[in-house]
Amino acid sequence: MTLAENDVQWFPVLQRALPAAAQDALPRTIAAAWLLLIDGNALLEDFEGAAGEADLTEVLKLRLAELFVEIDLTLDGANDVDELHFLPLALDFGLHTLGHLDGDKLIALLQFGADESDPHARLLPIWENILDAFPGEVPNPLLADGQGDVLRALQNWSRLCRAAEVDDSFLAPLVQAV
């Protein structure tokens, strides 16, 4: 079974805009955006460099599955799960906040074990769908002007936190990381 990039509704809860307490939801959503822009964009770039390297590609697919679970758990506010459990959680229980995917659909989407000459070309549209579905812009820090875009995103997130009366001190380590 293969799963096309358009077969998944990404961020279904965020897309429905269900009411949630801003004090809880906003920091989690920003943390998920940070995972997408830092870890996700770097991982997609790694796929591009791994073309033709089957073993490395499989490792990157595993890491992408783990990142998906990390984003899913972050959006749920379940930050106390050890990262060693991310892959088993992905395969056993799938995802529900990042997208509705059970373990089998996640395996099909990432095509574990498939002999691919260019997984980046296949995964890039999936990645773009994820970023497009995210509520708000997720800049790419790996682009030539990406650092400035990341700083602007952090400024916007800080303004959003102030407007929602959410303490934005959790952004300080992110600013320092840029």
N, C-alpha and C. Protein backbone atom coordinates (compact mmCIF):
# COMPACT_ATOMS: atom_id res chain seq x y z
N MET A 1 0.84 -1.18 0.00
CA MET A 1 0.00 0.00 0.00
C MET A 1 0.88 1.24 0.00
N THR A 2 0.60 2.15 -0.89
CA THR A 2 1.28 3.43 -0.87
C THR A 2 0.27 4.50 -0.50
N LEU A 3 0.80 5.58 0.03
CA LEU A 3 -0.05 6.66 0.48
C LEU A 3 0.46 7.94 -0.16
N ALA A 4 -0.38 8.63 -0.89
CA ALA A 4 0.01 9.85 -1.57
C ALA A 4 0.00 11.02 -0.61
N GLU A 5 0.73 12.06 -0.99
CA GLU A 5 0.85 13.23 -0.12
C GLU A 5 -0.49 13.92 0.14
N ASN A 6 -1.44 13.77 -0.76
CA ASN A 6 -2.74 14.43 -0.58
C ASN A 6 -3.75 13.56 0.17
N ASP A 7 -3.34 12.36 0.59
CA ASP A 7 -4.25 11.44 1.27
C ASP A 7 -4.35 11.69 2.77
N VAL A 8 -3.63 12.67 3.28
CA VAL A 8 -3.60 12.91 4.72
C VAL A 8 -4.05 14.33 5.00
N GLN A 9 -4.93 14.50 5.95
CA GLN A 9 -5.27 15.84 6.42
C GLN A 9 -4.31 16.16 7.55
N TRP A 10 -3.42 17.09 7.32
CA TRP A 10 -2.42 17.46 8.31
C TRP A 10 -3.01 18.47 9.28
N PHE A 11 -2.64 18.37 10.55
CA PHE A 11 -3.09 19.25 11.63
C PHE A 11 -4.61 19.36 11.69
N PRO A 12 -5.31 18.24 11.76
CA PRO A 12 -6.78 18.30 11.72
C PRO A 12 -7.40 19.11 12.84
N VAL A 13 -6.85 19.04 14.04
CA VAL A 13 -7.41 19.79 15.16
C VAL A 13 -7.16 21.28 14.97
N LEU A 14 -5.95 21.63 14.57
CA LEU A 14 -5.64 23.04 14.36
C LEU A 14 -6.43 23.60 13.18
N GLN A 15 -6.68 22.77 12.17
CA GLN A 15 -7.44 23.22 11.01
C GLN A 15 -8.90 23.51 11.37
N ARG A 16 -9.43 22.76 12.33
CA ARG A 16 -10.82 22.98 12.74
C ARG A 16 -10.95 24.18 13.65
N ALA A 17 -9.81 24.69 14.13
CA ALA A 17 -9.78 25.86 15.01
C ALA A 17 -10.68 25.68 16.22
N LEU A 18 -10.57 24.52 16.83
CA LEU A 18 -11.35 24.27 18.05
C LEU A 18 -10.85 25.19 19.16
N PRO A 19 -11.75 25.68 19.96
CA PRO A 19 -11.31 26.57 21.04
C PRO A 19 -10.43 25.82 22.03
N ALA A 20 -9.36 26.45 22.40
CA ALA A 20 -8.46 25.90 23.41
C ALA A 20 -7.89 27.06 24.19
N ALA A 21 -7.52 26.81 25.40
CA ALA A 21 -6.93 27.86 26.21
C ALA A 21 -5.61 28.29 25.59
N ALA A 22 -5.50 29.57 25.27
CA ALA A 22 -4.29 30.09 24.63
C ALA A 22 -3.06 29.84 25.48
N GLN A 23 -3.23 29.87 26.79
CA GLN A 23 -2.08 29.66 27.67
C GLN A 23 -1.47 28.28 27.47
N ASP A 24 -2.26 27.33 27.03
CA ASP A 24 -1.76 25.98 26.77
C ASP A 24 -1.44 25.77 25.30
N ALA A 25 -2.37 26.14 24.44
CA ALA A 25 -2.26 25.82 23.02
C ALA A 25 -1.20 26.64 22.30
N LEU A 26 -1.07 27.90 22.60
CA LEU A 26 -0.14 28.76 21.87
C LEU A 26 1.32 28.32 22.03
N PRO A 27 1.81 28.11 23.24
CA PRO A 27 3.19 27.64 23.37
C PRO A 27 3.42 26.29 22.70
N ARG A 28 2.44 25.39 22.75
CA ARG A 28 2.59 24.08 22.10
C ARG A 28 2.64 24.23 20.59
N THR A 29 1.81 25.11 20.05
CA THR A 29 1.79 25.32 18.61
C THR A 29 3.09 25.94 18.14
N ILE A 30 3.61 26.89 18.89
CA ILE A 30 4.90 27.51 18.54
C ILE A 30 6.02 26.49 18.65
N ALA A 31 5.98 25.65 19.67
CA ALA A 31 7.00 24.60 19.81
C ALA A 31 6.96 23.64 18.62
N ALA A 32 5.75 23.32 18.15
CA ALA A 32 5.62 22.45 16.98
C ALA A 32 6.18 23.14 15.74
N ALA A 33 5.90 24.43 15.61
CA ALA A 33 6.45 25.19 14.48
C ALA A 33 7.97 25.18 14.52
N TRP A 34 8.52 25.29 15.71
CA TRP A 34 9.99 25.28 15.85
C TRP A 34 10.56 23.93 15.42
N LEU A 35 9.90 22.86 15.80
CA LEU A 35 10.35 21.53 15.37
C LEU A 35 10.29 21.41 13.85
N LEU A 36 9.23 21.92 13.26
CA LEU A 36 9.11 21.88 11.80
C LEU A 36 10.22 22.67 11.13
N LEU A 37 10.45 23.87 11.61
CA LEU A 37 11.40 24.73 10.89
C LEU A 37 12.84 24.34 11.14
N ILE A 38 13.18 23.90 12.33
CA ILE A 38 14.58 23.54 12.60
C ILE A 38 14.86 22.08 12.23
N ASP A 39 14.21 21.16 12.90
CA ASP A 39 14.49 19.74 12.69
C ASP A 39 13.96 19.24 11.35
N GLY A 40 12.75 19.63 11.02
CA GLY A 40 12.13 19.14 9.80
C GLY A 40 12.83 19.61 8.53
N ASN A 41 13.09 20.89 8.44
CA ASN A 41 13.76 21.40 7.24
C ASN A 41 15.16 20.80 7.08
N ALA A 42 15.88 20.65 8.20
CA ALA A 42 17.20 20.03 8.14
C ALA A 42 17.10 18.57 7.68
N LEU A 43 16.11 17.88 8.18
CA LEU A 43 15.92 16.48 7.81
C LEU A 43 15.60 16.33 6.32
N LEU A 44 14.77 17.21 5.81
CA LEU A 44 14.45 17.17 4.37
C LEU A 44 15.70 17.43 3.54
N GLU A 45 16.53 18.34 4.00
CA GLU A 45 17.78 18.60 3.29
C GLU A 45 18.69 17.36 3.34
N ASP A 46 18.69 16.66 4.47
CA ASP A 46 19.47 15.43 4.58
C ASP A 46 19.00 14.38 3.58
N PHE A 47 17.69 14.29 3.36
CA PHE A 47 17.17 13.35 2.36
C PHE A 47 17.73 13.68 0.98
N GLU A 48 17.84 14.95 0.68
CA GLU A 48 18.37 15.34 -0.62
C GLU A 48 19.81 14.87 -0.78
N GLY A 49 20.59 15.00 0.28
CA GLY A 49 21.98 14.56 0.24
C GLY A 49 22.15 13.06 0.30
N ALA A 50 21.12 12.34 0.72
CA ALA A 50 21.21 10.89 0.88
C ALA A 50 20.76 10.13 -0.36
N ALA A 51 20.47 10.83 -1.45
CA ALA A 51 20.01 10.16 -2.67
C ALA A 51 21.00 9.07 -3.06
N GLY A 52 20.48 7.87 -3.31
CA GLY A 52 21.32 6.75 -3.72
C GLY A 52 21.93 5.98 -2.56
N GLU A 53 21.73 6.44 -1.34
CA GLU A 53 22.28 5.77 -0.15
C GLU A 53 21.12 5.12 0.61
N ALA A 54 20.82 3.87 0.28
CA ALA A 54 19.63 3.19 0.81
C ALA A 54 19.64 3.10 2.33
N ASP A 55 20.77 2.74 2.93
CA ASP A 55 20.83 2.59 4.39
C ASP A 55 20.61 3.92 5.08
N LEU A 56 21.25 4.96 4.59
CA LEU A 56 21.09 6.28 5.18
C LEU A 56 19.65 6.77 5.01
N THR A 57 19.06 6.51 3.86
CA THR A 57 17.68 6.90 3.62
C THR A 57 16.74 6.24 4.61
N GLU A 58 16.95 4.97 4.92
CA GLU A 58 16.10 4.27 5.88
C GLU A 58 16.23 4.89 7.27
N VAL A 59 17.45 5.24 7.65
CA VAL A 59 17.66 5.89 8.95
C VAL A 59 16.93 7.24 8.98
N LEU A 60 17.01 7.98 7.90
CA LEU A 60 16.33 9.28 7.83
C LEU A 60 14.81 9.11 7.89
N LYS A 61 14.30 8.05 7.27
CA LYS A 61 12.86 7.79 7.35
C LYS A 61 12.44 7.50 8.79
N LEU A 62 13.27 6.74 9.49
CA LEU A 62 12.99 6.46 10.90
C LEU A 62 13.00 7.76 11.70
N ARG A 63 13.98 8.61 11.43
CA ARG A 63 14.07 9.89 12.14
C ARG A 63 12.87 10.78 11.81
N LEU A 64 12.40 10.74 10.57
CA LEU A 64 11.23 11.53 10.19
C LEU A 64 9.98 11.02 10.92
N ALA A 65 9.84 9.72 11.04
CA ALA A 65 8.72 9.16 11.79
C ALA A 65 8.78 9.62 13.25
N GLU A 66 9.97 9.60 13.82
CA GLU A 66 10.15 10.06 15.20
C GLU A 66 9.82 11.54 15.33
N LEU A 67 10.23 12.33 14.36
CA LEU A 67 9.91 13.76 14.38
C LEU A 67 8.40 13.98 14.31
N PHE A 68 7.73 13.21 13.47
CA PHE A 68 6.27 13.31 13.39
C PHE A 68 5.63 13.04 14.75
N VAL A 69 6.11 12.01 15.45
CA VAL A 69 5.57 11.70 16.77
C VAL A 69 5.89 12.82 17.75
N GLU A 70 7.09 13.34 17.68
CA GLU A 70 7.48 14.43 18.58
C GLU A 70 6.56 15.65 18.38
N ILE A 71 6.27 15.98 17.14
CA ILE A 71 5.36 17.09 16.85
C ILE A 71 3.96 16.76 17.36
N ASP A 72 3.51 15.54 17.12
CA ASP A 72 2.20 15.10 17.58
C ASP A 72 2.09 15.23 19.10
N LEU A 73 3.10 14.74 19.81
CA LEU A 73 3.09 14.79 21.27
C LEU A 73 3.20 16.23 21.77
N THR A 74 3.99 17.04 21.10
CA THR A 74 4.14 18.45 21.48
C THR A 74 2.80 19.17 21.38
N LEU A 75 2.10 18.96 20.28
CA LEU A 75 0.79 19.60 20.12
C LEU A 75 -0.21 19.11 21.17
N ASP A 76 -0.05 17.87 21.61
CA ASP A 76 -0.92 17.31 22.64
C ASP A 76 -0.52 17.75 24.05
N GLY A 77 0.68 18.31 24.17
CA GLY A 77 1.17 18.70 25.49
C GLY A 77 1.75 17.54 26.28
N ALA A 78 2.10 16.48 25.60
CA ALA A 78 2.67 15.29 26.25
C ALA A 78 4.19 15.31 26.08
N ASN A 79 4.83 16.25 26.74
CA ASN A 79 6.27 16.44 26.59
C ASN A 79 7.10 15.53 27.48
N ASP A 80 6.45 14.67 28.24
CA ASP A 80 7.18 13.83 29.18
C ASP A 80 7.49 12.44 28.63
N VAL A 81 7.26 12.23 27.34
CA VAL A 81 7.54 10.93 26.73
C VAL A 81 9.00 10.89 26.29
N ASP A 82 9.71 9.86 26.71
CA ASP A 82 11.12 9.72 26.34
C ASP A 82 11.23 9.47 24.84
N GLU A 83 12.20 10.11 24.21
CA GLU A 83 12.36 9.99 22.75
C GLU A 83 12.65 8.56 22.30
N LEU A 84 13.12 7.72 23.19
CA LEU A 84 13.34 6.32 22.83
C LEU A 84 12.02 5.62 22.49
N HIS A 85 10.92 6.20 22.93
CA HIS A 85 9.60 5.61 22.68
C HIS A 85 8.91 6.17 21.44
N PHE A 86 9.51 7.17 20.81
CA PHE A 86 8.85 7.82 19.67
C PHE A 86 8.53 6.85 18.54
N LEU A 87 9.51 6.08 18.12
CA LEU A 87 9.28 5.16 17.00
C LEU A 87 8.26 4.08 17.34
N PRO A 88 8.39 3.41 18.50
CA PRO A 88 7.34 2.43 18.82
C PRO A 88 5.95 3.05 18.91
N LEU A 89 5.86 4.26 19.45
CA LEU A 89 4.56 4.94 19.50
C LEU A 89 4.02 5.19 18.11
N ALA A 90 4.91 5.62 17.21
CA ALA A 90 4.48 5.90 15.83
C ALA A 90 3.95 4.64 15.17
N LEU A 91 4.65 3.54 15.33
CA LEU A 91 4.27 2.32 14.64
C LEU A 91 3.07 1.63 15.30
N ASP A 92 2.98 1.70 16.63
CA ASP A 92 1.89 1.05 17.32
C ASP A 92 0.60 1.86 17.33
N PHE A 93 0.72 3.16 17.55
CA PHE A 93 -0.47 3.99 17.74
C PHE A 93 -0.68 5.03 16.65
N GLY A 94 0.34 5.27 15.83
CA GLY A 94 0.22 6.26 14.76
C GLY A 94 0.20 7.68 15.29
N LEU A 95 -0.40 8.54 14.52
CA LEU A 95 -0.48 9.96 14.84
C LEU A 95 -1.94 10.37 14.86
N HIS A 96 -2.24 11.44 15.57
CA HIS A 96 -3.61 11.93 15.51
C HIS A 96 -3.69 13.45 15.52
N THR A 97 -2.67 14.14 15.99
CA THR A 97 -2.72 15.60 16.04
C THR A 97 -2.01 16.21 14.84
N LEU A 98 -0.89 15.65 14.46
CA LEU A 98 -0.20 16.09 13.25
C LEU A 98 -1.01 15.71 12.03
N GLY A 99 -1.55 14.52 12.04
CA GLY A 99 -2.40 14.02 10.96
C GLY A 99 -2.98 12.69 11.40
N HIS A 100 -4.11 12.33 10.83
CA HIS A 100 -4.72 11.04 11.18
C HIS A 100 -4.02 9.94 10.39
N LEU A 101 -3.07 9.29 11.04
CA LEU A 101 -2.31 8.20 10.42
C LEU A 101 -2.10 7.11 11.44
N ASP A 102 -2.58 5.91 11.15
CA ASP A 102 -2.22 4.80 12.02
C ASP A 102 -0.81 4.34 11.62
N GLY A 103 -0.27 3.40 12.36
CA GLY A 103 1.09 2.95 12.10
C GLY A 103 1.30 2.43 10.68
N ASP A 104 0.33 1.66 10.17
CA ASP A 104 0.44 1.12 8.82
C ASP A 104 0.44 2.22 7.76
N LYS A 105 -0.40 3.23 7.95
CA LYS A 105 -0.43 4.34 7.00
C LYS A 105 0.85 5.16 7.06
N LEU A 106 1.41 5.29 8.25
CA LEU A 106 2.68 6.01 8.39
C LEU A 106 3.79 5.27 7.67
N ILE A 107 3.81 3.94 7.82
CA ILE A 107 4.80 3.13 7.11
C ILE A 107 4.63 3.29 5.60
N ALA A 108 3.38 3.29 5.14
CA ALA A 108 3.11 3.45 3.70
C ALA A 108 3.51 4.84 3.22
N LEU A 109 3.24 5.85 4.01
CA LEU A 109 3.58 7.21 3.62
C LEU A 109 5.09 7.39 3.49
N LEU A 110 5.83 6.87 4.45
CA LEU A 110 7.29 7.02 4.43
C LEU A 110 7.97 5.98 3.56
N GLN A 111 7.25 4.94 3.20
CA GLN A 111 7.74 3.86 2.34
C GLN A 111 9.01 3.22 2.89
N PHE A 112 8.89 2.77 4.15
CA PHE A 112 10.01 2.04 4.74
C PHE A 112 10.32 0.81 3.90
N GLY A 113 11.59 0.55 3.68
CA GLY A 113 12.03 -0.62 2.94
C GLY A 113 11.92 -0.50 1.43
N ALA A 114 11.39 0.60 0.93
CA ALA A 114 11.26 0.78 -0.52
C ALA A 114 12.63 1.12 -1.11
N ASP A 115 12.89 0.60 -2.28
CA ASP A 115 14.13 0.92 -2.99
C ASP A 115 13.88 2.20 -3.79
N GLU A 116 14.34 3.32 -3.25
CA GLU A 116 14.09 4.62 -3.87
C GLU A 116 15.41 5.25 -4.28
N SER A 117 15.45 5.75 -5.49
CA SER A 117 16.67 6.44 -5.92
C SER A 117 16.69 7.88 -5.45
N ASP A 118 15.50 8.50 -5.27
CA ASP A 118 15.44 9.89 -4.85
C ASP A 118 14.25 10.10 -3.91
N PRO A 119 14.39 9.69 -2.64
CA PRO A 119 13.28 9.86 -1.71
C PRO A 119 12.94 11.33 -1.46
N HIS A 120 13.91 12.20 -1.62
CA HIS A 120 13.65 13.63 -1.41
C HIS A 120 12.58 14.12 -2.36
N ALA A 121 12.64 13.71 -3.62
CA ALA A 121 11.65 14.15 -4.61
C ALA A 121 10.25 13.67 -4.22
N ARG A 122 10.14 12.50 -3.61
CA ARG A 122 8.84 11.98 -3.20
C ARG A 122 8.37 12.64 -1.91
N LEU A 123 9.28 12.90 -0.99
CA LEU A 123 8.90 13.44 0.31
C LEU A 123 8.69 14.94 0.30
N LEU A 124 9.30 15.65 -0.63
CA LEU A 124 9.18 17.11 -0.66
C LEU A 124 7.72 17.57 -0.79
N PRO A 125 6.91 17.01 -1.68
CA PRO A 125 5.50 17.43 -1.73
C PRO A 125 4.74 17.13 -0.43
N ILE A 126 5.07 16.03 0.22
CA ILE A 126 4.45 15.70 1.50
C ILE A 126 4.83 16.78 2.52
N TRP A 127 6.11 17.11 2.56
CA TRP A 127 6.60 18.12 3.49
C TRP A 127 5.94 19.47 3.22
N GLU A 128 5.82 19.83 1.96
CA GLU A 128 5.19 21.10 1.60
C GLU A 128 3.72 21.11 2.01
N ASN A 129 3.02 19.97 1.89
CA ASN A 129 1.63 19.89 2.35
C ASN A 129 1.54 20.08 3.86
N ILE A 130 2.48 19.52 4.58
CA ILE A 130 2.50 19.69 6.04
C ILE A 130 2.69 21.16 6.38
N LEU A 131 3.67 21.79 5.76
CA LEU A 131 3.93 23.21 6.05
C LEU A 131 2.77 24.09 5.63
N ASP A 132 2.15 23.78 4.50
CA ASP A 132 1.00 24.56 4.04
C ASP A 132 -0.19 24.43 4.99
N ALA A 133 -0.34 23.26 5.59
CA ALA A 133 -1.47 23.02 6.49
C ALA A 133 -1.27 23.64 7.86
N PHE A 134 -0.03 23.94 8.21
CA PHE A 134 0.25 24.50 9.53
C PHE A 134 -0.33 25.90 9.60
N PRO A 135 -0.99 26.24 10.71
CA PRO A 135 -1.58 27.58 10.83
C PRO A 135 -0.51 28.64 11.06
N GLY A 136 -0.10 29.29 10.03
CA GLY A 136 0.96 30.28 10.11
C GLY A 136 2.13 29.85 9.26
N GLU A 137 3.02 30.79 9.06
CA GLU A 137 4.18 30.53 8.21
C GLU A 137 5.28 29.84 9.01
N VAL A 138 5.91 28.87 8.38
CA VAL A 138 7.04 28.17 8.97
C VAL A 138 8.24 28.45 8.07
N PRO A 139 9.09 29.40 8.44
CA PRO A 139 10.21 29.74 7.58
C PRO A 139 11.26 28.63 7.54
N ASN A 140 12.09 28.68 6.50
CA ASN A 140 13.16 27.71 6.35
C ASN A 140 14.48 28.40 6.68
N PRO A 141 15.10 28.07 7.81
CA PRO A 141 16.34 28.73 8.20
C PRO A 141 17.53 28.34 7.33
N LEU A 142 17.37 27.32 6.49
CA LEU A 142 18.47 26.86 5.66
C LEU A 142 18.60 27.64 4.36
N LEU A 143 17.61 28.47 4.05
CA LEU A 143 17.68 29.31 2.86
C LEU A 143 18.61 30.49 3.13
N ALA A 144 19.05 31.14 2.06
CA ALA A 144 20.00 32.23 2.19
C ALA A 144 19.50 33.32 3.15
N ASP A 145 18.24 33.69 3.06
CA ASP A 145 17.69 34.73 3.93
C ASP A 145 16.86 34.14 5.06
N GLY A 146 17.03 32.87 5.33
CA GLY A 146 16.20 32.16 6.29
C GLY A 146 16.37 32.60 7.73
N GLN A 147 17.58 33.00 8.13
CA GLN A 147 17.79 33.43 9.51
C GLN A 147 16.94 34.65 9.84
N GLY A 148 16.87 35.59 8.92
CA GLY A 148 16.04 36.77 9.12
C GLY A 148 14.57 36.40 9.23
N ASP A 149 14.13 35.46 8.39
CA ASP A 149 12.74 35.00 8.44
C ASP A 149 12.42 34.34 9.77
N VAL A 150 13.39 33.60 10.31
CA VAL A 150 13.19 32.94 11.60
C VAL A 150 13.08 33.99 12.70
N LEU A 151 13.93 34.99 12.66
CA LEU A 151 13.87 36.06 13.67
C LEU A 151 12.54 36.81 13.59
N ARG A 152 12.06 37.07 12.37
CA ARG A 152 10.76 37.72 12.22
C ARG A 152 9.64 36.84 12.76
N ALA A 153 9.74 35.53 12.52
CA ALA A 153 8.73 34.61 13.06
C ALA A 153 8.74 34.66 14.59
N LEU A 154 9.93 34.68 15.18
CA LEU A 154 10.02 34.75 16.64
C LEU A 154 9.42 36.06 17.16
N GLN A 155 9.67 37.15 16.47
CA GLN A 155 9.07 38.43 16.86
C GLN A 155 7.55 38.36 16.77
N ASN A 156 7.04 37.78 15.69
CA ASN A 156 5.59 37.64 15.52
C ASN A 156 4.99 36.74 16.61
N TRP A 157 5.69 35.66 16.94
CA TRP A 157 5.21 34.77 17.99
C TRP A 157 5.19 35.49 19.34
N SER A 158 6.19 36.33 19.58
CA SER A 158 6.22 37.09 20.83
C SER A 158 5.03 38.06 20.89
N ARG A 159 4.76 38.74 19.78
CA ARG A 159 3.61 39.66 19.73
C ARG A 159 2.30 38.89 19.95
N LEU A 160 2.21 37.73 19.32
CA LEU A 160 1.01 36.91 19.47
C LEU A 160 0.83 36.48 20.93
N CYS A 161 1.91 36.10 21.57
CA CYS A 161 1.84 35.72 22.99
C CYS A 161 1.37 36.89 23.84
N ARG A 162 1.94 38.05 23.61
CA ARG A 162 1.52 39.23 24.39
C ARG A 162 0.05 39.53 24.16
N ALA A 163 -0.39 39.45 22.91
CA ALA A 163 -1.80 39.73 22.59
C ALA A 163 -2.73 38.73 23.26
N ALA A 164 -2.26 37.49 23.40
CA ALA A 164 -3.08 36.44 24.03
C ALA A 164 -2.82 36.34 25.54
N GLU A 165 -2.01 37.27 26.05
CA GLU A 165 -1.65 37.28 27.46
C GLU A 165 -1.00 35.97 27.91
N VAL A 166 -0.07 35.51 27.06
CA VAL A 166 0.70 34.30 27.34
C VAL A 166 2.15 34.73 27.58
N ASP A 167 2.74 34.23 28.65
CA ASP A 167 4.14 34.53 28.95
C ASP A 167 5.02 34.01 27.83
N ASP A 168 5.78 34.91 27.20
CA ASP A 168 6.61 34.52 26.06
C ASP A 168 8.05 34.17 26.44
N SER A 169 8.31 33.96 27.72
CA SER A 169 9.68 33.66 28.14
C SER A 169 10.20 32.35 27.55
N PHE A 170 9.30 31.46 27.15
CA PHE A 170 9.73 30.20 26.54
C PHE A 170 10.40 30.43 25.18
N LEU A 171 10.26 31.63 24.61
CA LEU A 171 10.88 31.94 23.33
C LEU A 171 12.36 32.30 23.47
N ALA A 172 12.80 32.69 24.65
CA ALA A 172 14.18 33.15 24.85
C ALA A 172 15.22 32.13 24.37
N PRO A 173 15.11 30.86 24.73
CA PRO A 173 16.11 29.91 24.24
C PRO A 173 16.07 29.74 22.72
N LEU A 174 14.90 29.94 22.12
CA LEU A 174 14.79 29.83 20.68
C LEU A 174 15.52 30.99 20.00
N VAL A 175 15.38 32.19 20.55
CA VAL A 175 16.07 33.36 20.01
C VAL A 175 17.58 33.15 20.11
N GLN A 176 18.03 32.62 21.23
CA GLN A 176 19.46 32.38 21.40
C GLN A 176 19.98 31.32 20.45
N ALA A 177 19.12 30.38 20.07
CA ALA A 177 19.54 29.32 19.14
C ALA A 177 19.76 29.84 17.73
N VAL A 178 19.10 30.95 17.39
CA VAL A 178 19.24 31.51 16.04
C VAL A 178 20.57 32.21 15.97
